[in-house]
């Protein structure tokens, strides 16, 4: 699965936008997002589904003094 990511950091939260290609099934997308949640502390904020089947997903996690590890995308 190929995912592109962009990351934004503000005072309290880190945000990451992921783009899932059209061929990714809902089950595969849910599994990938569950891995991000379980091991890196990300939570789902928003999902947009485009007409071509591409999904744009926004995740967030609270900033801490010690940053959690980032999963390779």
PDB file of N, CA and C in Angstrom:
ATOM      1  N   UNK A   1       0.857  -1.163   0.000  1.00  0.00           N
ATOM      2  CA  UNK A   1       0.000   0.000   0.000  1.00  0.00           C
ATOM      3  C   UNK A   1       0.905   1.229   0.000  1.00  0.00           C
ATOM      4  N   UNK A   2       0.569   2.188  -0.837  1.00  0.00           N
ATOM      5  CA  UNK A   2       1.310   3.434  -0.882  1.00  0.00           C
ATOM      6  C   UNK A   2       0.484   4.524  -0.242  1.00  0.00           C
ATOM      7  N   UNK A   3       1.055   5.197   0.737  1.00  0.00           N
ATOM      8  CA  UNK A   3       0.376   6.292   1.423  1.00  0.00           C
ATOM      9  C   UNK A   3       1.301   7.487   1.392  1.00  0.00           C
ATOM     10  N   UNK A   4       0.751   8.647   1.121  1.00  0.00           N
ATOM     11  CA  UNK A   4       1.544   9.866   1.233  1.00  0.00           C
ATOM     12  C   UNK A   4       1.104  10.582   2.494  1.00  0.00           C
ATOM     13  N   UNK A   5       2.031  11.273   3.143  1.00  0.00           N
ATOM     14  CA  UNK A   5       1.704  11.911   4.420  1.00  0.00           C
ATOM     15  C   UNK A   5       2.239  13.336   4.454  1.00  0.00           C
ATOM     16  N   UNK A   6       1.488  14.207   5.105  1.00  0.00           N
ATOM     17  CA  UNK A   6       1.982  15.534   5.441  1.00  0.00           C
ATOM     18  C   UNK A   6       1.657  15.758   6.910  1.00  0.00           C
ATOM     19  N   UNK A   7       2.535  16.457   7.595  1.00  0.00           N
ATOM     20  CA  UNK A   7       2.403  16.582   9.047  1.00  0.00           C
ATOM     21  C   UNK A   7       2.410  18.054   9.451  1.00  0.00           C
ATOM     22  N   UNK A   8       1.531  18.409  10.396  1.00  0.00           N
ATOM     23  CA  UNK A   8       1.436  19.761  10.928  1.00  0.00           C
ATOM     24  C   UNK A   8       1.500  19.661  12.452  1.00  0.00           C
ATOM     25  N   UNK A   9       2.208  20.584  13.078  1.00  0.00           N
ATOM     26  CA  UNK A   9       2.329  20.582  14.529  1.00  0.00           C
ATOM     27  C   UNK A   9       1.886  21.949  15.045  1.00  0.00           C
ATOM     28  N   UNK A  10       0.959  21.969  16.020  1.00  0.00           N
ATOM     29  CA  UNK A  10       0.600  23.225  16.683  1.00  0.00           C
ATOM     30  C   UNK A  10       0.965  23.105  18.158  1.00  0.00           C
ATOM     31  N   UNK A  11       0.492  24.011  18.984  1.00  0.00           N
ATOM     32  CA  UNK A  11       0.895  24.054  20.390  1.00  0.00           C
ATOM     33  C   UNK A  11       0.497  22.797  21.162  1.00  0.00           C
ATOM     34  N   UNK A  12      -0.687  22.249  20.917  1.00  0.00           N
ATOM     35  CA  UNK A  12      -1.184  21.119  21.700  1.00  0.00           C
ATOM     36  C   UNK A  12      -1.255  19.805  20.931  1.00  0.00           C
ATOM     37  N   UNK A  13      -1.397  19.864  19.624  1.00  0.00           N
ATOM     38  CA  UNK A  13      -1.636  18.668  18.822  1.00  0.00           C
ATOM     39  C   UNK A  13      -0.668  18.573  17.646  1.00  0.00           C
ATOM     40  N   UNK A  14      -0.397  17.348  17.245  1.00  0.00           N
ATOM     41  CA  UNK A  14       0.276  17.061  15.982  1.00  0.00           C
ATOM     42  C   UNK A  14      -0.796  16.512  15.050  1.00  0.00           C
ATOM     43  N   UNK A  15      -0.795  16.937  13.817  1.00  0.00           N
ATOM     44  CA  UNK A  15      -1.751  16.445  12.828  1.00  0.00           C
ATOM     45  C   UNK A  15      -0.997  15.812  11.681  1.00  0.00           C
ATOM     46  N   UNK A  16      -1.539  14.738  11.171  1.00  0.00           N
ATOM     47  CA  UNK A  16      -0.949  14.076  10.008  1.00  0.00           C
ATOM     48  C   UNK A  16      -2.058  13.779   9.012  1.00  0.00           C
ATOM     49  N   UNK A  17      -1.849  14.194   7.800  1.00  0.00           N
ATOM     50  CA  UNK A  17      -2.773  13.880   6.718  1.00  0.00           C
ATOM     51  C   UNK A  17      -2.222  12.738   5.896  1.00  0.00           C
ATOM     52  N   UNK A  18      -3.041  11.748   5.642  1.00  0.00           N
ATOM     53  CA  UNK A  18      -2.642  10.600   4.826  1.00  0.00           C
ATOM     54  C   UNK A  18      -3.562  10.506   3.623  1.00  0.00           C
ATOM     55  N   UNK A  19      -2.995  10.181   2.486  1.00  0.00           N
ATOM     56  CA  UNK A  19      -3.797   9.964   1.290  1.00  0.00           C
ATOM     57  C   UNK A  19      -3.705   8.487   0.937  1.00  0.00           C
ATOM     58  N   UNK A  20      -4.852   7.816   0.903  1.00  0.00           N
ATOM     59  CA  UNK A  20      -4.921   6.393   0.577  1.00  0.00           C
ATOM     60  C   UNK A  20      -5.357   6.254  -0.876  1.00  0.00           C
ATOM     61  N   UNK A  21      -4.634   5.492  -1.683  1.00  0.00           N
ATOM     62  CA  UNK A  21      -4.971   5.358  -3.100  1.00  0.00           C
ATOM     63  C   UNK A  21      -6.308   4.639  -3.313  1.00  0.00           C
ATOM     64  N   UNK A  22      -6.874   4.772  -4.506  1.00  0.00           N
ATOM     65  CA  UNK A  22      -8.209   4.226  -4.783  1.00  0.00           C
ATOM     66  C   UNK A  22      -8.349   2.717  -4.590  1.00  0.00           C
ATOM     67  N   UNK A  23      -7.308   1.939  -4.797  1.00  0.00           N
ATOM     68  CA  UNK A  23      -7.422   0.487  -4.720  1.00  0.00           C
ATOM     69  C   UNK A  23      -7.423  -0.086  -3.318  1.00  0.00           C
ATOM     70  N   UNK A  24      -7.273   0.733  -2.292  1.00  0.00           N
ATOM     71  CA  UNK A  24      -7.192   0.249  -0.910  1.00  0.00           C
ATOM     72  C   UNK A  24      -8.605  -0.035  -0.387  1.00  0.00           C
ATOM     73  N   UNK A  25      -8.829  -1.253   0.085  1.00  0.00           N
ATOM     74  CA  UNK A  25     -10.145  -1.624   0.610  1.00  0.00           C
ATOM     75  C   UNK A  25     -10.379  -0.966   1.972  1.00  0.00           C
ATOM     76  N   UNK A  26     -11.634  -0.917   2.383  1.00  0.00           N
ATOM     77  CA  UNK A  26     -11.966  -0.354   3.699  1.00  0.00           C
ATOM     78  C   UNK A  26     -11.298  -1.140   4.809  1.00  0.00           C
ATOM     79  N   UNK A  27     -11.267  -2.439   4.676  1.00  0.00           N
ATOM     80  CA  UNK A  27     -10.660  -3.294   5.701  1.00  0.00           C
ATOM     81  C   UNK A  27      -9.156  -3.022   5.828  1.00  0.00           C
ATOM     82  N   UNK A  28      -8.482  -2.907   4.694  1.00  0.00           N
ATOM     83  CA  UNK A  28      -7.051  -2.612   4.709  1.00  0.00           C
ATOM     84  C   UNK A  28      -6.792  -1.234   5.302  1.00  0.00           C
ATOM     85  N   UNK A  29      -7.591  -0.246   4.915  1.00  0.00           N
ATOM     86  CA  UNK A  29      -7.445   1.106   5.458  1.00  0.00           C
ATOM     87  C   UNK A  29      -7.675   1.099   6.965  1.00  0.00           C
ATOM     88  N   UNK A  30      -8.701   0.401   7.426  1.00  0.00           N
ATOM     89  CA  UNK A  30      -8.998   0.342   8.863  1.00  0.00           C
ATOM     90  C   UNK A  30      -7.853  -0.326   9.623  1.00  0.00           C
ATOM     91  N   UNK A  31      -7.269  -1.370   9.055  1.00  0.00           N
ATOM     92  CA  UNK A  31      -6.143  -2.048   9.695  1.00  0.00           C
ATOM     93  C   UNK A  31      -4.940  -1.122   9.797  1.00  0.00           C
ATOM     94  N   UNK A  32      -4.651  -0.406   8.708  1.00  0.00           N
ATOM     95  CA  UNK A  32      -3.519   0.514   8.711  1.00  0.00           C
ATOM     96  C   UNK A  32      -3.715   1.622   9.746  1.00  0.00           C
ATOM     97  N   UNK A  33      -4.926   2.165   9.840  1.00  0.00           N
ATOM     98  CA  UNK A  33      -5.206   3.220  10.808  1.00  0.00           C
ATOM     99  C   UNK A  33      -5.171   2.692  12.239  1.00  0.00           C
ATOM    100  N   UNK A  34      -5.595   1.449  12.439  1.00  0.00           N
ATOM    101  CA  UNK A  34      -5.524   0.837  13.770  1.00  0.00           C
ATOM    102  C   UNK A  34      -4.077   0.673  14.220  1.00  0.00           C
ATOM    103  N   UNK A  35      -3.189   0.364  13.288  1.00  0.00           N
ATOM    104  CA  UNK A  35      -1.766   0.250  13.615  1.00  0.00           C
ATOM    105  C   UNK A  35      -1.215   1.610  14.033  1.00  0.00           C
ATOM    106  N   UNK A  36      -1.578   2.653  13.293  1.00  0.00           N
ATOM    107  CA  UNK A  36      -1.144   4.010  13.669  1.00  0.00           C
ATOM    108  C   UNK A  36      -1.662   4.370  15.062  1.00  0.00           C
ATOM    109  N   UNK A  37      -2.885   3.997  15.369  1.00  0.00           N
ATOM    110  CA  UNK A  37      -3.475   4.318  16.668  1.00  0.00           C
ATOM    111  C   UNK A  37      -2.800   3.532  17.792  1.00  0.00           C
ATOM    112  N   UNK A  38      -2.613   2.251  17.579  1.00  0.00           N
ATOM    113  CA  UNK A  38      -2.086   1.377  18.632  1.00  0.00           C
ATOM    114  C   UNK A  38      -0.631   1.673  18.974  1.00  0.00           C
ATOM    115  N   UNK A  39       0.195   1.848  17.966  1.00  0.00           N
ATOM    116  CA  UNK A  39       1.633   1.941  18.207  1.00  0.00           C
ATOM    117  C   UNK A  39       2.185   3.352  18.207  1.00  0.00           C
ATOM    118  N   UNK A  40       1.441   4.328  17.676  1.00  0.00           N
ATOM    119  CA  UNK A  40       1.957   5.699  17.636  1.00  0.00           C
ATOM    120  C   UNK A  40       1.037   6.713  18.299  1.00  0.00           C
ATOM    121  N   UNK A  41      -0.115   6.269  18.786  1.00  0.00           N
ATOM    122  CA  UNK A  41      -0.994   7.161  19.523  1.00  0.00           C
ATOM    123  C   UNK A  41      -1.848   8.097  18.690  1.00  0.00           C
ATOM    124  N   UNK A  42      -1.974   7.858  17.393  1.00  0.00           N
ATOM    125  CA  UNK A  42      -2.787   8.710  16.529  1.00  0.00           C
ATOM    126  C   UNK A  42      -4.257   8.371  16.690  1.00  0.00           C
ATOM    127  N   UNK A  43      -5.130   9.378  16.555  1.00  0.00           N
ATOM    128  CA  UNK A  43      -6.577   9.147  16.550  1.00  0.00           C
ATOM    129  C   UNK A  43      -7.167   9.777  15.292  1.00  0.00           C
ATOM    130  N   UNK A  44      -8.237   9.187  14.812  1.00  0.00           N
ATOM    131  CA  UNK A  44      -8.880   9.632  13.579  1.00  0.00           C
ATOM    132  C   UNK A  44      -9.636  10.928  13.819  1.00  0.00           C
ATOM    133  N   UNK A  45      -9.424  11.917  12.940  1.00  0.00           N
ATOM    134  CA  UNK A  45     -10.115  13.188  13.032  1.00  0.00           C
ATOM    135  C   UNK A  45     -11.161  13.305  11.934  1.00  0.00           C
ATOM    136  N   UNK A  46     -10.763  12.978  10.698  1.00  0.00           N
ATOM    137  CA  UNK A  46     -11.667  13.178   9.570  1.00  0.00           C
ATOM    138  C   UNK A  46     -11.250  12.303   8.394  1.00  0.00           C
ATOM    139  N   UNK A  47     -12.229  11.886   7.602  1.00  0.00           N
ATOM    140  CA  UNK A  47     -11.975  11.140   6.379  1.00  0.00           C
ATOM    141  C   UNK A  47     -12.779  11.777   5.257  1.00  0.00           C
ATOM    142  N   UNK A  48     -12.127  12.013   4.136  1.00  0.00           N
ATOM    143  CA  UNK A  48     -12.807  12.471   2.929  1.00  0.00           C
ATOM    144  C   UNK A  48     -12.639  11.411   1.862  1.00  0.00           C
ATOM    145  N   UNK A  49     -13.721  11.034   1.211  1.00  0.00           N
ATOM    146  CA  UNK A  49     -13.679  10.072   0.113  1.00  0.00           C
ATOM    147  C   UNK A  49     -13.932  10.843  -1.173  1.00  0.00           C
ATOM    148  N   UNK A  50     -12.984  10.776  -2.093  1.00  0.00           N
ATOM    149  CA  UNK A  50     -13.095  11.472  -3.368  1.00  0.00           C
ATOM    150  C   UNK A  50     -13.759  10.569  -4.402  1.00  0.00           C
ATOM    151  N   UNK A  51     -14.242  11.173  -5.464  1.00  0.00           N
ATOM    152  CA  UNK A  51     -14.962  10.450  -6.511  1.00  0.00           C
ATOM    153  C   UNK A  51     -14.152   9.355  -7.183  1.00  0.00           C
ATOM    154  N   UNK A  52     -12.829   9.523  -7.231  1.00  0.00           N
ATOM    155  CA  UNK A  52     -11.986   8.494  -7.861  1.00  0.00           C
ATOM    156  C   UNK A  52     -11.649   7.347  -6.908  1.00  0.00           C
ATOM    157  N   UNK A  53     -12.156   7.399  -5.661  1.00  0.00           N
ATOM    158  CA  UNK A  53     -11.907   6.344  -4.690  1.00  0.00           C
ATOM    159  C   UNK A  53     -10.763   6.642  -3.730  1.00  0.00           C
ATOM    160  N   UNK A  54     -10.040   7.724  -3.969  1.00  0.00           N
ATOM    161  CA  UNK A  54      -8.968   8.128  -3.069  1.00  0.00           C
ATOM    162  C   UNK A  54      -9.560   8.621  -1.752  1.00  0.00           C
ATOM    163  N   UNK A  55      -8.903   8.273  -0.646  1.00  0.00           N
ATOM    164  CA  UNK A  55      -9.327   8.765   0.672  1.00  0.00           C
ATOM    165  C   UNK A  55      -8.268   9.687   1.227  1.00  0.00           C
ATOM    166  N   UNK A  56      -8.690  10.801   1.800  1.00  0.00           N
ATOM    167  CA  UNK A  56      -7.802  11.698   2.544  1.00  0.00           C
ATOM    168  C   UNK A  56      -8.200  11.553   4.000  1.00  0.00           C
ATOM    169  N   UNK A  57      -7.243  11.155   4.839  1.00  0.00           N
ATOM    170  CA  UNK A  57      -7.491  10.870   6.249  1.00  0.00           C
ATOM    171  C   UNK A  57      -6.654  11.824   7.083  1.00  0.00           C
ATOM    172  N   UNK A  58      -7.260  12.435   8.112  1.00  0.00           N
ATOM    173  CA  UNK A  58      -6.535  13.280   9.044  1.00  0.00           C
ATOM    174  C   UNK A  58      -6.490  12.584  10.396  1.00  0.00           C
ATOM    175  N   UNK A  59      -5.288  12.487  10.948  1.00  0.00           N
ATOM    176  CA  UNK A  59      -5.058  11.903  12.265  1.00  0.00           C
ATOM    177  C   UNK A  59      -4.473  12.985  13.164  1.00  0.00           C
ATOM    178  N   UNK A  60      -4.639  12.811  14.468  1.00  0.00           N
ATOM    179  CA  UNK A  60      -4.020  13.730  15.412  1.00  0.00           C
ATOM    180  C   UNK A  60      -3.584  12.968  16.646  1.00  0.00           C
ATOM    181  N   UNK A  61      -2.627  13.562  17.361  1.00  0.00           N
ATOM    182  CA  UNK A  61      -2.231  13.053  18.669  1.00  0.00           C
ATOM    183  C   UNK A  61      -1.747  14.225  19.494  1.00  0.00           C
ATOM    184  N   UNK A  62      -1.930  14.111  20.788  1.00  0.00           N
ATOM    185  CA  UNK A  62      -1.522  15.175  21.704  1.00  0.00           C
ATOM    186  C   UNK A  62       0.003  15.222  21.760  1.00  0.00           C
ATOM    187  N   UNK A  63       0.534  16.419  21.713  1.00  0.00           N
ATOM    188  CA  UNK A  63       1.988  16.594  21.829  1.00  0.00           C
ATOM    189  C   UNK A  63       2.427  16.281  23.246  1.00  0.00           C
ATOM    190  N   UNK A  64       3.554  15.648  23.363  1.00  0.00           N
ATOM    191  CA  UNK A  64       4.146  15.353  24.657  1.00  0.00           C
ATOM    192  C   UNK A  64       5.617  15.772  24.625  1.00  0.00           C
ATOM    193  N   UNK A  65       6.231  15.820  25.788  1.00  0.00           N
ATOM    194  CA  UNK A  65       7.656  16.150  25.845  1.00  0.00           C
ATOM    195  C   UNK A  65       8.471  15.082  25.138  1.00  0.00           C
ATOM    196  N   UNK A  66       8.059  13.836  25.303  1.00  0.00           N
ATOM    197  CA  UNK A  66       8.712  12.711  24.635  1.00  0.00           C
ATOM    198  C   UNK A  66       7.825  12.300  23.467  1.00  0.00           C
ATOM    199  N   UNK A  67       8.296  12.477  22.252  1.00  0.00           N
ATOM    200  CA  UNK A  67       7.502  12.137  21.077  1.00  0.00           C
ATOM    201  C   UNK A  67       7.426  10.618  20.905  1.00  0.00           C
ATOM    202  N   UNK A  68       6.258  10.138  20.534  1.00  0.00           N
ATOM    203  CA  UNK A  68       6.061   8.721  20.255  1.00  0.00           C
ATOM    204  C   UNK A  68       6.741   8.383  18.935  1.00  0.00           C
ATOM    205  N   UNK A  69       7.134   7.134  18.709  1.00  0.00           N
ATOM    206  CA  UNK A  69       7.783   6.763  17.452  1.00  0.00           C
ATOM    207  C   UNK A  69       6.821   6.925  16.272  1.00  0.00           C
ATOM    208  N   UNK A  70       7.363   7.255  15.139  1.00  0.00           N
ATOM    209  CA  UNK A  70       6.572   7.432  13.925  1.00  0.00           C
ATOM    210  C   UNK A  70       6.692   6.165  13.090  1.00  0.00           C
ATOM    211  N   UNK A  71       5.561   5.649  12.613  1.00  0.00           N
ATOM    212  CA  UNK A  71       5.571   4.482  11.748  1.00  0.00           C
ATOM    213  C   UNK A  71       5.978   4.895  10.349  1.00  0.00           C
ATOM    214  N   UNK A  72       6.727   4.080   9.683  1.00  0.00           N
ATOM    215  CA  UNK A  72       7.100   4.357   8.300  1.00  0.00           C
ATOM    216  C   UNK A  72       5.858   4.215   7.430  1.00  0.00           C
ATOM    217  N   UNK A  73       5.691   5.147   6.512  1.00  0.00           N
ATOM    218  CA  UNK A  73       4.529   5.104   5.617  1.00  0.00           C
ATOM    219  C   UNK A  73       4.917   4.793   4.223  1.00  0.00           C
TER     220      UNK A  73
END
